[in-house]
N, C-alpha and C. Protein backbone atom coordinates (compact mmCIF):
# COMPACT_ATOMS: atom_id res chain seq x y z
N UNK A 1 92.40 167.81 139.42
CA UNK A 1 92.38 169.27 139.15
C UNK A 1 93.97 169.82 138.84
N UNK A 2 94.86 168.85 138.69
CA UNK A 2 96.21 169.38 138.44
C UNK A 2 96.17 169.24 136.72
N UNK A 3 95.63 168.08 136.43
CA UNK A 3 95.64 168.20 134.97
C UNK A 3 94.81 169.21 134.21
N UNK A 4 93.38 169.71 134.97
CA UNK A 4 92.96 170.81 134.28
C UNK A 4 93.76 172.16 134.31
N UNK A 5 94.51 172.12 135.29
CA UNK A 5 95.67 173.46 135.38
C UNK A 5 96.44 173.46 134.47
N UNK A 6 97.19 172.07 134.21
CA UNK A 6 98.04 171.80 133.02
C UNK A 6 97.48 172.19 131.55
N UNK A 7 96.38 171.60 131.11
CA UNK A 7 95.84 171.63 129.97
C UNK A 7 95.28 173.49 129.81
N UNK A 8 95.37 174.04 131.27
CA UNK A 8 94.58 175.53 130.99
C UNK A 8 96.02 176.34 130.60
N UNK A 9 96.81 175.79 131.30
CA UNK A 9 98.50 176.48 131.10
C UNK A 9 98.91 176.20 129.67
N UNK A 10 98.76 175.09 129.20
CA UNK A 10 99.23 174.94 127.58
C UNK A 10 98.28 175.56 126.97
N UNK A 11 96.98 175.60 127.02
CA UNK A 11 96.15 176.42 126.14
C UNK A 11 96.24 177.82 126.30
N UNK A 12 96.74 178.70 127.40
CA UNK A 12 97.32 180.14 127.34
C UNK A 12 98.24 180.09 127.06
N UNK A 13 99.42 179.22 126.84
CA UNK A 13 100.58 179.44 126.33
C UNK A 13 100.49 179.43 124.87
N UNK A 14 99.67 178.64 124.33
CA UNK A 14 99.46 178.54 122.98
C UNK A 14 98.92 179.75 122.23
N UNK A 15 97.96 180.42 123.04
CA UNK A 15 97.58 181.81 122.72
C UNK A 15 98.58 182.56 122.73
N UNK A 16 99.23 182.68 123.73
CA UNK A 16 100.27 183.75 124.16
C UNK A 16 101.30 183.64 122.85
N UNK A 17 101.74 182.50 122.35
CA UNK A 17 102.76 182.28 121.39
C UNK A 17 102.10 182.95 120.17
N UNK A 18 101.02 182.94 119.94
CA UNK A 18 100.77 183.44 118.62
C UNK A 18 100.40 184.87 118.41
N UNK A 19 100.77 185.62 119.74
CA UNK A 19 100.67 187.23 119.94
C UNK A 19 102.03 187.99 119.83
N UNK A 20 103.42 187.40 120.36
CA UNK A 20 104.36 187.84 120.68
C UNK A 20 105.35 187.86 119.46
N UNK A 21 106.26 188.58 119.41
CA UNK A 21 107.72 188.33 118.84
C UNK A 21 108.91 187.72 119.54
N UNK A 22 108.61 187.50 120.44
CA UNK A 22 109.82 187.03 121.53
C UNK A 22 110.60 185.83 120.89
N UNK A 23 111.77 185.59 121.42
CA UNK A 23 112.62 184.36 120.79
C UNK A 23 112.44 183.39 121.94
N UNK A 24 112.00 183.56 123.23
CA UNK A 24 111.86 182.72 123.97
C UNK A 24 110.09 181.99 123.98
N UNK A 25 110.26 180.55 124.38
CA UNK A 25 109.38 179.69 124.52
C UNK A 25 109.16 178.96 125.58
N UNK A 26 108.42 179.18 126.90
CA UNK A 26 108.26 178.52 128.02
C UNK A 26 107.10 177.48 127.97
N UNK A 27 107.24 176.21 128.40
CA UNK A 27 106.12 175.59 128.50
C UNK A 27 106.46 174.70 129.80
N UNK A 28 105.17 174.44 130.59
CA UNK A 28 105.23 173.92 131.87
C UNK A 28 105.67 172.43 131.60
N UNK A 29 106.53 172.27 132.66
CA UNK A 29 106.78 170.66 132.78
C UNK A 29 106.19 170.19 134.22
N UNK A 30 106.86 168.68 134.65
CA UNK A 30 106.22 168.72 136.04
C UNK A 30 106.74 169.66 137.02
N UNK A 31 105.62 170.01 137.79
CA UNK A 31 105.80 171.13 139.09
C UNK A 31 105.18 172.39 138.51
N UNK A 32 105.10 172.42 137.26
CA UNK A 32 104.46 173.72 136.66
C UNK A 32 105.47 174.81 136.33
N UNK A 33 106.62 174.29 136.53
CA UNK A 33 108.04 175.39 136.32
C UNK A 33 108.44 175.19 134.97
N UNK A 34 108.75 176.26 134.37
CA UNK A 34 109.38 175.97 132.81
C UNK A 34 110.58 175.72 132.40
N UNK A 35 110.61 174.86 131.15
CA UNK A 35 111.70 174.58 130.50
C UNK A 35 111.65 175.65 129.53
N UNK A 36 112.79 176.37 129.20
CA UNK A 36 112.73 177.38 128.49
C UNK A 36 113.79 177.25 127.18
N UNK A 37 113.03 177.66 126.18
CA UNK A 37 113.58 177.44 124.72
C UNK A 37 113.95 178.70 124.24
N UNK A 38 115.42 179.09 124.05
CA UNK A 38 115.70 180.43 123.53
C UNK A 38 116.40 180.11 121.98
N UNK A 39 116.02 180.76 121.18
CA UNK A 39 116.32 181.20 120.09
C UNK A 39 117.08 182.50 119.58
N UNK A 40 118.50 182.61 119.64
CA UNK A 40 119.33 183.84 119.05
C UNK A 40 119.79 183.72 117.52
N UNK A 41 119.55 184.67 116.74
CA UNK A 41 120.22 184.25 115.34
C UNK A 41 120.71 186.09 115.39
N UNK A 42 121.95 186.05 114.90
CA UNK A 42 122.83 187.26 114.25
C UNK A 42 123.37 187.16 113.28
N UNK A 43 123.19 187.95 112.11
CA UNK A 43 123.77 187.97 111.09
C UNK A 43 125.16 188.94 111.03
N UNK A 44 126.09 188.11 110.71
CA UNK A 44 127.16 188.71 110.78
C UNK A 44 128.23 188.63 109.42
N UNK A 45 128.32 189.79 108.66
CA UNK A 45 128.56 189.61 107.18
C UNK A 45 127.88 188.80 106.35
N UNK A 46 128.57 187.61 105.93
CA UNK A 46 127.87 186.59 105.14
C UNK A 46 127.40 185.41 105.60
N UNK A 47 127.42 185.42 107.11
CA UNK A 47 127.05 184.47 108.05
C UNK A 47 125.84 184.76 109.07
N UNK A 48 125.15 183.53 109.43
CA UNK A 48 124.26 183.73 110.33
C UNK A 48 124.31 183.06 111.50
N UNK A 49 124.84 183.49 112.88
CA UNK A 49 125.17 182.81 113.80
C UNK A 49 123.93 182.47 114.63
N UNK A 50 123.68 181.20 115.04
CA UNK A 50 122.44 180.61 115.69
C UNK A 50 122.69 179.93 116.78
N UNK A 51 122.35 180.35 117.70
CA UNK A 51 122.27 179.66 119.25
C UNK A 51 120.94 179.40 120.01
N UNK A 52 120.91 177.92 119.95
CA UNK A 52 119.64 177.61 120.66
C UNK A 52 119.72 177.18 122.04
N UNK A 53 118.88 177.54 123.13
CA UNK A 53 119.54 177.29 124.51
C UNK A 53 118.19 176.72 124.86
N UNK A 54 118.40 175.53 125.88
CA UNK A 54 117.57 174.81 126.59
C UNK A 54 117.85 174.98 128.12
N UNK A 55 116.95 175.40 128.68
CA UNK A 55 117.18 175.61 130.17
C UNK A 55 116.12 174.98 130.99
N UNK A 56 116.53 174.16 132.04
CA UNK A 56 116.03 173.47 133.19
C UNK A 56 115.68 174.49 134.24
N UNK A 57 114.48 174.93 134.31
CA UNK A 57 114.12 176.01 135.39
C UNK A 57 113.57 175.21 136.58
N UNK A 58 113.36 173.97 136.46
CA UNK A 58 112.86 173.46 137.74
C UNK A 58 113.78 173.03 138.53
N UNK A 59 113.45 172.87 139.93
CA UNK A 59 114.30 172.19 141.03
C UNK A 59 114.68 170.72 141.16
N UNK A 60 114.29 170.10 139.86
CA UNK A 60 114.67 168.75 139.76
C UNK A 60 115.21 168.35 138.35
N UNK A 61 115.89 167.57 138.53
CA UNK A 61 116.42 166.96 137.18
C UNK A 61 115.43 166.55 135.96
N UNK A 62 115.88 166.90 134.80
CA UNK A 62 114.94 166.98 133.66
C UNK A 62 115.36 165.84 132.57
N UNK A 63 114.84 164.84 132.05
CA UNK A 63 115.40 164.30 130.90
C UNK A 63 114.72 164.25 129.80
N UNK A 64 115.51 164.74 128.89
CA UNK A 64 114.71 165.00 127.24
C UNK A 64 115.34 163.77 126.85
N UNK A 65 114.09 163.13 126.16
CA UNK A 65 114.28 161.96 124.97
C UNK A 65 114.19 162.54 123.60
N UNK A 66 115.25 162.15 122.79
CA UNK A 66 115.07 162.40 121.27
C UNK A 66 114.79 160.94 120.52
N UNK A 67 114.27 160.81 119.24
CA UNK A 67 114.31 159.83 118.71
C UNK A 67 115.21 159.68 117.55
N UNK A 68 116.45 160.45 117.49
CA UNK A 68 117.56 160.07 116.96
C UNK A 68 118.62 161.15 117.61
N UNK A 69 120.02 161.39 116.95
CA UNK A 69 120.89 161.97 117.19
C UNK A 69 120.62 163.61 116.96
N UNK A 70 119.49 164.16 115.95
CA UNK A 70 119.03 164.97 115.65
C UNK A 70 118.38 165.86 117.04
N UNK A 71 118.71 166.80 117.53
CA UNK A 71 118.23 167.24 118.59
C UNK A 71 117.25 168.64 118.35
N UNK A 72 117.67 169.35 116.94
CA UNK A 72 116.89 170.42 116.66
C UNK A 72 117.06 170.60 115.06
N UNK A 73 116.16 171.21 114.53
CA UNK A 73 115.97 171.55 113.28
C UNK A 73 115.80 172.99 113.20
N UNK A 74 116.71 173.57 112.36
CA UNK A 74 116.98 174.65 111.57
C UNK A 74 116.36 174.85 110.11
N UNK A 75 115.35 175.87 109.89
CA UNK A 75 114.96 176.25 108.61
C UNK A 75 115.36 177.50 108.03
N UNK A 76 115.48 177.73 107.19
CA UNK A 76 115.66 179.40 106.75
C UNK A 76 115.16 179.68 105.56
N UNK A 77 114.07 180.46 105.53
CA UNK A 77 113.19 180.66 104.46
C UNK A 77 113.45 182.42 104.12
N UNK A 78 113.14 182.39 102.91
CA UNK A 78 113.10 184.34 102.36
C UNK A 78 111.85 184.88 102.80
N UNK A 79 111.59 186.11 102.10
CA UNK A 79 110.43 186.78 102.45
C UNK A 79 108.98 186.01 101.81
N UNK A 80 109.30 185.22 100.79
CA UNK A 80 108.15 184.62 100.05
C UNK A 80 107.92 183.36 100.62
N UNK A 81 108.89 183.05 101.91
CA UNK A 81 108.45 181.57 102.60
C UNK A 81 109.34 180.38 101.78
N UNK A 82 110.09 180.77 101.00
CA UNK A 82 110.74 179.71 100.15
C UNK A 82 111.91 179.32 101.06
N UNK A 83 112.19 177.63 101.21
CA UNK A 83 113.22 177.32 101.93
C UNK A 83 114.54 177.55 101.32
N UNK A 84 115.55 178.21 102.07
CA UNK A 84 116.79 178.52 101.59
C UNK A 84 117.73 177.24 102.14
N UNK A 85 117.75 176.74 103.24
CA UNK A 85 118.24 176.18 104.09
C UNK A 85 117.70 175.31 105.06
N UNK A 86 118.09 174.27 105.34
CA UNK A 86 117.51 173.03 106.31
C UNK A 86 118.52 172.10 106.74
N UNK A 87 118.78 172.48 108.30
CA UNK A 87 119.97 171.85 108.79
C UNK A 87 119.92 170.45 108.72
N UNK A 88 119.08 169.73 108.47
CA UNK A 88 118.97 168.35 108.41
C UNK A 88 119.69 167.99 107.22
N UNK A 89 119.41 168.63 106.09
CA UNK A 89 120.02 168.48 104.79
C UNK A 89 121.34 168.23 104.77
N UNK A 90 121.95 169.25 105.35
CA UNK A 90 123.19 169.14 105.74
C UNK A 90 123.92 168.68 106.53
N UNK A 91 123.41 167.55 107.19
CA UNK A 91 124.20 166.88 108.39
C UNK A 91 123.40 165.25 108.32
N UNK A 92 124.49 164.34 109.22
CA UNK A 92 123.66 162.92 109.01
C UNK A 92 123.47 162.87 110.87
N UNK A 93 122.62 161.62 111.21
CA UNK A 93 122.24 161.76 112.80
C UNK A 93 122.45 160.32 112.62
N UNK A 94 122.85 159.96 114.04
CA UNK A 94 122.61 158.54 114.69
C UNK A 94 121.26 158.06 114.46
N UNK A 95 120.66 157.09 114.14
CA UNK A 95 119.37 156.57 114.21
C UNK A 95 119.01 155.59 115.45
N UNK A 96 119.23 156.31 116.67
CA UNK A 96 119.12 155.58 118.03
C UNK A 96 118.61 156.47 119.16
N UNK A 97 117.80 156.11 119.81
CA UNK A 97 117.04 157.00 120.81
C UNK A 97 118.23 157.70 121.82
N UNK A 98 118.14 158.87 121.88
CA UNK A 98 118.86 159.56 122.86
C UNK A 98 118.46 160.28 123.84
N UNK A 99 118.97 160.24 124.94
CA UNK A 99 118.44 160.77 126.50
C UNK A 99 119.50 161.90 126.93
N UNK A 100 119.07 162.91 127.07
CA UNK A 100 120.07 164.30 127.96
C UNK A 100 119.25 164.39 129.24
N UNK A 101 119.87 164.59 130.04
CA UNK A 101 119.56 164.84 131.16
C UNK A 101 120.08 166.15 132.01
N UNK A 102 119.22 167.25 132.29
CA UNK A 102 119.46 168.46 132.89
C UNK A 102 119.26 168.65 134.06
N UNK A 103 120.41 169.09 134.87
CA UNK A 103 120.28 169.53 136.24
C UNK A 103 119.79 170.62 136.41
N UNK A 104 118.87 170.73 137.56
CA UNK A 104 118.23 171.87 137.99
C UNK A 104 119.02 173.25 137.77
N UNK A 105 118.49 174.11 136.76
CA UNK A 105 119.08 175.42 136.54
C UNK A 105 120.11 175.15 135.30
N UNK A 106 120.34 174.03 134.65
CA UNK A 106 121.32 173.85 133.82
C UNK A 106 120.45 174.08 132.42
N UNK A 107 121.55 174.76 131.64
CA UNK A 107 121.17 174.98 130.39
C UNK A 107 122.04 174.20 129.24
N UNK A 108 121.64 173.42 128.12
CA UNK A 108 122.34 173.06 127.13
C UNK A 108 122.20 174.11 125.86
N UNK A 109 123.14 174.32 125.09
CA UNK A 109 123.42 175.25 124.11
C UNK A 109 123.92 174.78 122.84
N UNK A 110 123.03 174.77 121.94
CA UNK A 110 123.56 174.28 120.48
C UNK A 110 123.73 175.69 119.59
N UNK A 111 125.12 175.34 118.85
CA UNK A 111 125.56 176.76 118.13
C UNK A 111 125.68 176.26 116.66
N UNK A 112 125.28 177.07 115.72
CA UNK A 112 125.28 176.71 114.20
C UNK A 112 125.64 178.05 113.70
N UNK A 113 126.27 177.91 112.27
CA UNK A 113 126.44 178.88 111.62
C UNK A 113 126.22 178.42 110.22
N UNK A 114 125.17 179.35 109.55
CA UNK A 114 125.19 179.29 108.37
C UNK A 114 125.71 180.07 107.33
N UNK A 115 126.23 179.49 106.42
CA UNK A 115 126.96 180.72 105.37
C UNK A 115 125.80 180.97 104.42
N UNK A 116 125.76 182.50 103.99
CA UNK A 116 124.46 183.30 103.39
C UNK A 116 125.19 183.63 102.35
N UNK A 117 126.48 183.40 101.84
CA UNK A 117 127.36 184.00 100.67
C UNK A 117 126.47 183.43 99.58
N UNK A 118 126.31 182.47 99.17
CA UNK A 118 125.37 181.99 98.07
C UNK A 118 124.13 182.07 98.18
N UNK A 119 123.39 182.85 99.12
CA UNK A 119 121.91 182.99 98.82
C UNK A 119 121.42 184.20 98.55
N UNK A 120 120.49 184.25 98.23
CA UNK A 120 119.78 185.75 98.02
C UNK A 120 120.02 186.65 99.13
N UNK A 121 119.83 187.99 98.94
CA UNK A 121 119.88 188.95 100.00
C UNK A 121 118.49 188.94 101.07
N UNK A 122 118.57 188.96 102.12
CA UNK A 122 117.38 188.80 102.96
C UNK A 122 116.65 189.94 102.85
N UNK A 123 115.66 190.11 103.84
CA UNK A 123 115.54 189.58 105.05
C UNK A 123 115.04 188.09 105.06
N UNK A 124 115.27 187.30 106.19
CA UNK A 124 114.95 186.05 106.04
C UNK A 124 114.47 185.55 107.46
N UNK A 125 113.73 184.50 107.82
CA UNK A 125 112.87 183.99 108.65
C UNK A 125 113.70 182.65 108.99
N UNK A 126 114.30 182.41 110.49
CA UNK A 126 114.68 181.27 110.73
C UNK A 126 113.89 180.54 111.72
N UNK A 127 113.50 179.43 111.28
CA UNK A 127 112.22 178.67 111.94
C UNK A 127 113.20 177.30 112.87
N UNK A 128 112.97 177.63 114.18
CA UNK A 128 114.15 176.67 114.99
C UNK A 128 113.23 175.68 115.82
N UNK A 129 113.17 174.49 115.86
CA UNK A 129 112.45 173.52 116.78
C UNK A 129 113.50 172.48 117.57
N UNK A 130 113.23 172.29 118.94
CA UNK A 130 113.61 171.34 119.55
C UNK A 130 112.98 170.16 119.03
N UNK A 131 113.44 169.06 118.80
CA UNK A 131 112.78 167.82 118.41
C UNK A 131 112.69 166.70 119.52
N UNK A 132 112.37 167.15 120.73
CA UNK A 132 112.35 166.41 121.84
C UNK A 132 110.79 165.61 121.83
N UNK A 133 111.24 164.25 122.25
CA UNK A 133 109.91 163.43 121.86
C UNK A 133 109.30 163.38 123.39
N UNK A 134 110.13 163.48 124.35
CA UNK A 134 109.32 163.27 125.67
C UNK A 134 110.09 163.95 126.64
N UNK A 135 109.92 164.50 127.60
CA UNK A 135 110.24 165.34 128.89
C UNK A 135 110.08 164.08 129.98
N UNK A 136 110.86 163.84 131.01
CA UNK A 136 110.70 162.87 131.84
C UNK A 136 109.64 161.84 131.79
N UNK A 137 109.78 161.16 130.49
CA UNK A 137 108.98 159.97 129.93
C UNK A 137 107.64 160.62 129.67
N UNK A 138 107.37 161.86 129.84
CA UNK A 138 106.06 162.04 129.18
C UNK A 138 105.95 162.84 127.63
N UNK A 139 105.33 162.16 126.93
CA UNK A 139 105.02 162.55 125.48
C UNK A 139 105.26 164.50 125.20
N UNK A 140 105.76 164.82 124.14
CA UNK A 140 105.66 166.17 124.03
C UNK A 140 105.29 166.44 122.46
N UNK A 141 104.22 167.37 122.33
CA UNK A 141 103.83 167.38 121.08
C UNK A 141 104.90 168.02 120.22
N UNK A 142 105.16 167.47 118.65
CA UNK A 142 106.15 168.08 117.80
C UNK A 142 106.42 169.38 117.79
N UNK A 143 105.30 170.29 117.85
CA UNK A 143 105.53 171.74 117.57
C UNK A 143 105.73 172.43 118.76
N UNK A 144 105.31 171.75 120.16
CA UNK A 144 105.69 172.55 121.45
C UNK A 144 107.07 173.33 121.77
N UNK A 145 108.09 173.12 121.00
CA UNK A 145 109.37 173.93 121.25
C UNK A 145 109.81 174.30 119.60
N UNK A 146 108.80 175.10 119.24
CA UNK A 146 109.21 175.65 117.86
C UNK A 146 108.87 177.43 117.84
N UNK A 147 110.05 177.91 117.25
CA UNK A 147 110.12 179.39 117.35
C UNK A 147 110.49 180.08 116.33
N UNK A 148 109.87 180.98 115.43
CA UNK A 148 110.50 181.57 114.17
C UNK A 148 111.10 182.84 114.77
N UNK A 149 112.14 183.58 114.23
CA UNK A 149 113.07 184.92 114.61
C UNK A 149 113.01 185.29 113.29
N UNK A 150 112.88 186.58 113.05
CA UNK A 150 113.32 187.47 111.64
C UNK A 150 114.58 188.13 111.60
N UNK A 151 115.41 187.72 110.64
CA UNK A 151 116.68 188.20 110.54
C UNK A 151 116.64 189.10 109.36
N UNK A 152 117.36 190.37 109.72
CA UNK A 152 117.18 191.31 108.60
C UNK A 152 118.70 191.42 108.05
């Protein structure tokens, strides 16, 4: 019965994700309570300041497993969908399994700045993905924690 509930909640979440413009994504984990993924992007002068936040809103520790040192991906596109920037092209990452534990209520914040000076004028779309492979040892689909934010 619990399995059907989780499948129903995931299906409902996928339907709701296609309907909104929110920058928050909540996905059920053990106990049915959410792990929240927030993406905030602010254009200030010629820079795009980005904050990606993952919050454990359960009453238990949550372990996030990553396949490498890269924990998230950021892709900036223009109105035509052309890729202007990809975070992973600008950085190098350790090729080792990485585990992060979040205590109940704890948030992990990742901050990045993209220099827009050499890019064509916006508007832009920022596509952010948390590259978590498993939560508490249970596999997570690659696109589970993905969000797009319009930047004007």
